[in-house]
Amino acid sequence: MYVELSMFQTCPIRPGSHNFRMNDKLNFRNNKTFNLLGYRHIDTAACYGTEKAVGKAVLKAVEQKIVSSREELFITSKLWGTDAHDDLIVPALKKSLENLGLEYLDLYLIHWPVRLRKTEKYFPIEKEDIMVFDMKSTWAGMEECKRLGLVHSIGVSNFSSKKLSDLVDFATIPPAVDQVEMNLFWQQKKLIDFCKEKGILITAYSPLGAHRSVYQGVDILNHPIPIQIAHSNNKTASQICLRWLYEQGVSIAVKSYNEERMKENLQIFDWKLSEADRSLIANIPQKKGVYGDMLVFPNGVYKSIEQIWDGEI
């Protein structure tokens, strides 16, 4: 199933592959399996170090007729803060395209609302690396990427509804997507309402929790509520988590290296959660898992986590 983005492009809202810092060999194998199983949305980023492996997998998928053409795939990458400077945004996208072996991206996102000192390294981030984020000039560079035909749609990641509102107020080309943490334990109700009003698609990362099996002290897939709902529907807890997201009308970026789990993640389309299921989920206590605390320093640009998220935590 596809959803129309602003500027009339479509994006698959079924689960896609989120390529977060895996090694090159594993990433190539994962993306090849991903294509064989019928996934079509691939999410990567400059700082993940996976773009070259994604590019190899895309080339093989086309050569081996796993997909009919590159156009069958929806490929996203992201601008890191070290390149969020007026003179580096277009070159950064061109570098990502070179890594991927592609002529264009389907979607290019500002990874975080931050500008970092110009440097070759991505991590660790030091206090002196963080500069005041110039949203207007950064977005102007993103719009230029689109005007040049290097990307079909542009958007953001890790933006609060407040930052999105500020962006929408001056943008010539509106953001098509906000990619954010979203799952049963961080349901983003305020952001969902804002994005629906503005015609912005949410892509949910960490749909089964953050980058660990235990998410802020909660083991999501062994939590009693998703397990109870899974038993009543003859499904798995992960399928309950993904089906709930699908019913919110968001696209989903799933990170998995296991072929059986990748198959399982696709088996969420021919059934629905009941009203009772949705009520149980709505009453789950909310707790954010991805704070962006690597950007917070007492005397820095962001002095608190609350400031990054404009109090939306």
Protein backbone atom coordinates (compact mmCIF):
# COMPACT_ATOMS: atom_id res chain seq x y z
CA MET A 1 0.00 0.00 0.00
CA TYR A 2 1.23 3.48 -0.85
CA VAL A 3 0.46 6.95 0.49
CA GLU A 4 0.78 10.17 -1.51
CA LEU A 5 3.45 12.57 -0.28
CA SER A 6 3.31 16.31 -0.76
CA MET A 7 4.40 17.26 -4.30
CA PHE A 8 2.58 14.15 -5.62
CA GLN A 9 5.09 11.37 -4.96
CA THR A 10 4.00 8.10 -3.37
CA CYS A 11 5.69 6.27 -0.50
CA PRO A 12 5.06 2.68 0.68
CA ILE A 13 3.58 2.58 4.19
CA ARG A 14 4.24 -1.14 4.67
CA PRO A 15 7.35 -1.97 6.74
CA GLY A 16 10.71 -0.95 5.27
CA SER A 17 14.34 -1.67 6.16
CA HIS A 18 16.10 0.67 8.61
CA ASN A 19 19.86 0.20 8.06
CA PHE A 20 21.38 1.38 11.33
CA ARG A 21 25.15 0.93 11.49
CA MET A 22 25.48 -2.73 10.61
CA ASN A 23 28.67 -4.00 9.00
CA ASP A 24 28.95 -3.83 5.22
CA LYS A 25 28.74 -7.58 4.54
CA LEU A 26 25.74 -8.12 6.81
CA ASN A 27 24.00 -5.06 5.39
CA PHE A 28 24.41 -6.31 1.81
CA ARG A 29 22.99 -9.73 2.72
CA ASN A 30 20.15 -8.15 4.71
CA ASN A 31 19.11 -5.86 1.86
CA LYS A 32 19.24 -8.69 -0.68
CA THR A 33 16.94 -10.79 1.55
CA PHE A 34 14.80 -7.71 2.12
CA ASN A 35 14.23 -7.34 -1.65
CA LEU A 36 13.54 -11.05 -2.16
CA LEU A 37 10.83 -10.95 0.50
CA GLY A 38 9.03 -8.06 -1.16
CA TYR A 39 10.17 -5.07 0.89
CA ARG A 40 10.54 -1.93 -1.22
CA HIS A 41 11.37 0.92 1.19
CA ILE A 42 15.05 1.15 2.20
CA ASP A 43 16.10 3.68 4.85
CA THR A 44 19.75 4.62 5.26
CA ALA A 45 21.82 7.68 6.23
CA ALA A 46 25.26 9.15 5.73
CA CYS A 47 26.23 8.52 9.36
CA TYR A 48 25.11 4.86 9.32
CA GLY A 49 27.95 3.90 6.99
CA THR A 50 25.60 1.61 5.03
CA GLU A 51 25.00 3.53 1.82
CA LYS A 52 27.55 1.62 -0.29
CA ALA A 53 26.15 -1.76 0.80
CA VAL A 54 22.61 -0.59 0.08
CA GLY A 55 23.75 0.49 -3.37
CA LYS A 56 25.29 -2.94 -4.06
CA ALA A 57 22.07 -4.66 -2.96
CA VAL A 58 19.94 -2.41 -5.17
CA LEU A 59 22.18 -3.11 -8.18
CA LYS A 60 22.02 -6.88 -7.59
CA ALA A 61 18.24 -6.74 -7.10
CA VAL A 62 17.85 -5.11 -10.53
CA GLU A 63 20.42 -7.35 -12.25
CA GLN A 64 18.82 -10.52 -10.85
CA LYS A 65 15.28 -9.36 -11.71
CA ILE A 66 14.26 -9.37 -8.04
CA VAL A 67 12.80 -5.96 -8.83
CA SER A 68 11.90 -4.82 -12.34
CA SER A 69 13.86 -1.56 -12.03
CA ARG A 70 15.32 0.88 -9.53
CA GLU A 71 12.02 2.82 -9.82
CA GLU A 72 10.28 -0.02 -7.97
CA LEU A 73 12.24 0.88 -4.83
CA PHE A 74 11.80 3.82 -2.45
CA ILE A 75 15.18 4.85 -1.05
CA THR A 76 15.72 7.35 1.76
CA SER A 77 18.93 8.85 3.10
CA LYS A 78 19.69 11.67 5.52
CA LEU A 79 21.79 14.82 5.91
CA TRP A 80 24.06 14.71 8.96
CA GLY A 81 24.70 17.86 11.01
CA THR A 82 28.30 18.25 9.84
CA ASP A 83 26.90 18.90 6.37
CA ALA A 84 24.03 21.18 7.48
CA HIS A 85 25.87 24.22 6.11
CA ASP A 86 24.79 26.29 3.12
CA ASP A 87 27.72 25.20 0.96
CA LEU A 88 27.69 21.50 1.93
CA ILE A 89 24.08 20.34 1.61
CA VAL A 90 24.01 19.72 -2.14
CA PRO A 91 27.52 18.15 -2.12
CA ALA A 92 26.47 15.91 0.79
CA LEU A 93 23.52 14.57 -1.19
CA LYS A 94 25.73 14.07 -4.24
CA LYS A 95 28.14 12.08 -2.04
CA SER A 96 25.29 9.89 -0.78
CA LEU A 97 24.18 9.29 -4.37
CA GLU A 98 27.75 8.35 -5.30
CA ASN A 99 27.89 5.90 -2.38
CA LEU A 100 24.54 4.41 -3.38
CA GLY A 101 25.33 4.32 -7.10
CA LEU A 102 22.08 6.17 -7.83
CA GLU A 103 21.04 9.16 -9.89
CA TYR A 104 18.41 10.31 -7.42
CA LEU A 105 16.87 9.60 -4.01
CA ASP A 106 13.18 9.22 -3.38
CA LEU A 107 13.47 11.02 -0.04
CA TYR A 108 16.19 13.08 1.67
CA LEU A 109 15.81 14.08 5.33
CA ILE A 110 17.50 16.45 7.76
CA HIS A 111 18.63 13.86 10.28
CA TRP A 112 18.42 16.01 13.43
CA PRO A 113 17.62 19.70 14.00
CA VAL A 114 21.26 20.50 14.58
CA ARG A 115 24.26 22.01 12.81
CA LEU A 116 27.65 20.57 13.70
CA ARG A 117 31.12 21.91 13.11
CA LYS A 118 32.51 20.97 9.69
CA THR A 119 34.49 17.80 10.23
CA GLU A 120 34.98 14.37 8.69
CA LYS A 121 33.91 12.50 11.83
CA TYR A 122 30.30 11.73 12.79
CA PHE A 123 30.82 10.55 16.38
CA PRO A 124 31.46 11.24 19.16
CA ILE A 125 29.84 14.68 19.28
CA GLU A 126 31.63 17.16 21.54
CA LYS A 127 30.19 20.36 23.00
CA GLU A 128 32.33 22.52 20.74
CA ASP A 129 31.00 20.69 17.67
CA ILE A 130 27.42 21.92 18.18
CA MET A 131 26.39 25.15 16.47
CA VAL A 132 23.12 27.07 16.34
CA PHE A 133 20.81 25.32 13.88
CA ASP A 134 19.85 27.67 11.03
CA MET A 135 16.60 26.05 9.93
CA LYS A 136 15.90 28.50 7.11
CA SER A 137 19.23 28.20 5.33
CA THR A 138 19.39 24.44 5.86
CA TRP A 139 15.92 24.00 4.39
CA ALA A 140 16.84 26.29 1.48
CA GLY A 141 19.66 23.85 0.71
CA MET A 142 17.23 20.93 0.86
CA GLU A 143 14.88 22.73 -1.53
CA GLU A 144 17.80 23.30 -3.89
CA CYS A 145 18.48 19.53 -3.87
CA LYS A 146 14.93 18.96 -5.05
CA ARG A 147 15.06 21.70 -7.67
CA LEU A 148 18.21 20.11 -9.09
CA GLY A 149 16.38 16.79 -9.49
CA LEU A 150 18.67 14.97 -7.05
CA VAL A 151 15.72 13.93 -4.86
CA HIS A 152 11.99 13.57 -5.38
CA SER A 153 10.84 14.57 -1.89
CA ILE A 154 12.47 16.27 1.10
CA GLY A 155 11.68 16.10 4.78
CA VAL A 156 13.02 15.98 8.31
CA SER A 157 13.73 13.58 11.14
CA ASN A 158 13.48 14.04 14.91
CA PHE A 159 11.47 17.27 14.59
CA SER A 160 8.90 18.18 17.21
CA SER A 161 5.53 19.54 16.07
CA LYS A 162 6.78 22.99 17.18
CA LYS A 163 9.83 22.78 14.90
CA LEU A 164 7.69 21.41 12.09
CA SER A 165 5.28 24.32 12.50
CA ASP A 166 8.17 26.80 12.31
CA LEU A 167 9.40 25.09 9.14
CA VAL A 168 6.01 24.98 7.45
CA ASP A 169 5.58 28.72 8.08
CA PHE A 170 8.43 29.69 5.74
CA ALA A 171 9.08 26.67 3.50
CA THR A 172 8.55 27.12 -0.24
CA ILE A 173 8.51 23.33 -0.62
CA PRO A 174 6.79 21.79 2.42
CA PRO A 175 8.36 18.83 4.21
CA ALA A 176 6.88 15.55 2.98
CA VAL A 177 7.94 13.41 5.95
CA ASP A 178 8.96 13.59 9.60
CA GLN A 179 10.79 10.41 10.63
CA VAL A 180 10.53 9.99 14.39
CA GLU A 181 10.56 7.44 17.16
CA MET A 182 7.06 5.94 17.41
CA ASN A 183 5.76 2.76 18.99
CA LEU A 184 3.20 1.51 21.52
CA PHE A 185 5.17 3.10 24.34
CA TRP A 186 5.73 6.45 22.55
CA GLN A 187 2.58 7.00 20.52
CA GLN A 188 3.17 10.61 19.37
CA LYS A 189 -0.51 11.60 19.46
CA LYS A 190 0.16 15.35 19.27
CA LEU A 191 2.56 14.93 16.34
CA ILE A 192 0.15 12.59 14.49
CA ASP A 193 -2.63 15.19 14.71
CA PHE A 194 -0.35 18.00 13.54
CA CYS A 195 1.04 16.00 10.62
CA LYS A 196 -2.40 14.90 9.47
CA GLU A 197 -3.52 18.53 9.47
CA LYS A 198 -0.49 19.62 7.43
CA GLY A 199 -0.36 16.64 5.04
CA ILE A 200 2.99 15.40 6.37
CA LEU A 201 3.66 11.64 6.52
CA ILE A 202 5.23 10.22 9.68
CA THR A 203 7.77 7.44 9.31
CA ALA A 204 8.12 5.48 12.55
CA TYR A 205 11.57 4.30 13.61
CA SER A 206 12.14 2.09 16.67
CA PRO A 207 8.66 0.55 16.08
CA LEU A 208 9.50 -2.32 18.45
CA GLY A 209 11.50 -0.18 20.85
CA ALA A 210 14.81 1.64 20.68
CA HIS A 211 18.14 0.16 19.60
CA ARG A 212 18.01 -2.41 22.40
CA SER A 213 15.61 -5.21 23.28
CA VAL A 214 14.93 -3.47 26.60
CA TYR A 215 13.46 -0.04 25.95
CA GLN A 216 13.88 2.43 28.83
CA GLY A 217 13.47 -0.43 31.28
CA VAL A 218 10.53 -1.97 29.37
CA ASP A 219 10.90 -5.14 27.30
CA ILE A 220 8.22 -4.21 24.75
CA LEU A 221 7.86 -7.61 23.12
CA ASN A 222 7.46 -9.27 26.53
CA HIS A 223 5.17 -6.61 27.98
CA PRO A 224 1.83 -8.06 29.13
CA ILE A 225 -0.37 -5.80 26.97
CA PRO A 226 1.05 -6.65 23.50
CA ILE A 227 1.35 -10.29 24.61
CA GLN A 228 -2.30 -10.37 25.72
CA ILE A 229 -3.44 -8.83 22.43
CA ALA A 230 -1.17 -11.18 20.46
CA HIS A 231 -2.72 -14.23 22.13
CA SER A 232 -6.28 -13.06 21.43
CA ASN A 233 -5.45 -12.48 17.74
CA ASN A 234 -3.19 -15.53 17.24
CA LYS A 235 -0.34 -13.20 16.30
CA THR A 236 3.07 -12.28 17.73
CA ALA A 237 3.74 -9.26 19.93
CA SER A 238 5.84 -7.66 17.18
CA GLN A 239 2.96 -8.04 14.72
CA ILE A 240 0.65 -6.28 17.19
CA CYS A 241 3.14 -3.39 17.46
CA LEU A 242 3.47 -3.08 13.68
CA ARG A 243 -0.24 -3.47 12.97
CA TRP A 244 -1.02 -0.64 15.41
CA LEU A 245 1.41 1.63 13.59
CA TYR A 246 -0.04 0.64 10.22
CA GLU A 247 -3.51 1.57 11.46
CA GLN A 248 -2.19 5.04 12.39
CA GLY A 249 -1.41 5.62 8.69
CA VAL A 250 2.34 5.95 9.16
CA SER A 251 5.16 4.27 7.25
CA ILE A 252 7.38 1.97 9.27
CA ALA A 253 11.18 1.58 9.33
CA VAL A 254 11.96 -1.84 10.82
CA LYS A 255 15.49 -2.98 11.64
CA SER A 256 15.89 -6.76 11.45
CA TYR A 257 18.63 -9.09 10.25
CA ASN A 258 16.61 -12.29 10.68
CA GLU A 259 14.79 -13.66 7.61
CA GLU A 260 11.97 -15.26 9.61
CA ARG A 261 11.29 -12.04 11.49
CA MET A 262 11.41 -10.10 8.23
CA LYS A 263 8.72 -12.42 6.84
CA GLU A 264 6.71 -12.08 10.04
CA ASN A 265 6.85 -8.28 9.84
CA LEU A 266 4.95 -8.39 6.53
CA GLN A 267 2.08 -10.50 7.88
CA ILE A 268 0.08 -7.58 9.28
CA PHE A 269 -2.23 -6.59 6.44
CA ASP A 270 -5.14 -9.07 6.34
CA TRP A 271 -6.50 -8.54 9.86
CA LYS A 272 -7.34 -5.66 12.21
CA LEU A 273 -7.05 -4.78 15.86
CA SER A 274 -10.35 -4.71 17.71
CA GLU A 275 -11.71 -1.69 19.54
CA ALA A 276 -10.84 -3.45 22.80
CA ASP A 277 -7.26 -3.98 21.56
CA ARG A 278 -6.92 -0.32 20.62
CA SER A 279 -8.28 0.76 23.99
CA LEU A 280 -5.68 -1.34 25.82
CA ILE A 281 -2.92 0.19 23.71
CA ALA A 282 -4.21 3.73 24.24
CA ASN A 283 -3.82 3.31 27.99
CA ILE A 284 -0.19 2.15 27.95
CA PRO A 285 1.95 4.58 30.02
CA GLN A 286 4.14 6.60 27.68
CA LYS A 287 7.92 6.77 27.94
CA LYS A 288 10.26 8.13 25.30
CA GLY A 289 13.31 6.03 24.42
CA VAL A 290 15.40 8.16 22.01
CA TYR A 291 16.24 11.49 23.62
CA GLY A 292 19.07 12.90 21.52
CA ASP A 293 21.06 13.37 24.72
CA MET A 294 24.31 13.26 22.70
CA LEU A 295 23.41 16.85 21.71
CA VAL A 296 22.87 18.14 25.28
CA PHE A 297 25.56 20.05 27.20
CA PRO A 298 24.99 22.35 30.22
CA ASN A 299 26.44 25.39 28.45
CA GLY A 300 25.76 24.25 24.89
CA VAL A 301 23.22 25.15 22.22
CA TYR A 302 20.83 22.52 23.61
CA LYS A 303 21.00 22.75 27.39
CA SER A 304 18.33 20.14 28.05
CA ILE A 305 16.46 17.27 26.41
CA GLU A 306 13.28 19.32 26.82
CA GLN A 307 14.79 22.04 24.62
CA ILE A 308 15.52 19.59 21.78
CA TRP A 309 11.90 18.41 21.77
CA ASP A 310 10.31 21.75 22.71
CA GLY A 311 8.82 20.18 25.80
CA GLU A 312 7.09 17.41 23.75
CA ILE A 313 8.41 14.55 25.88
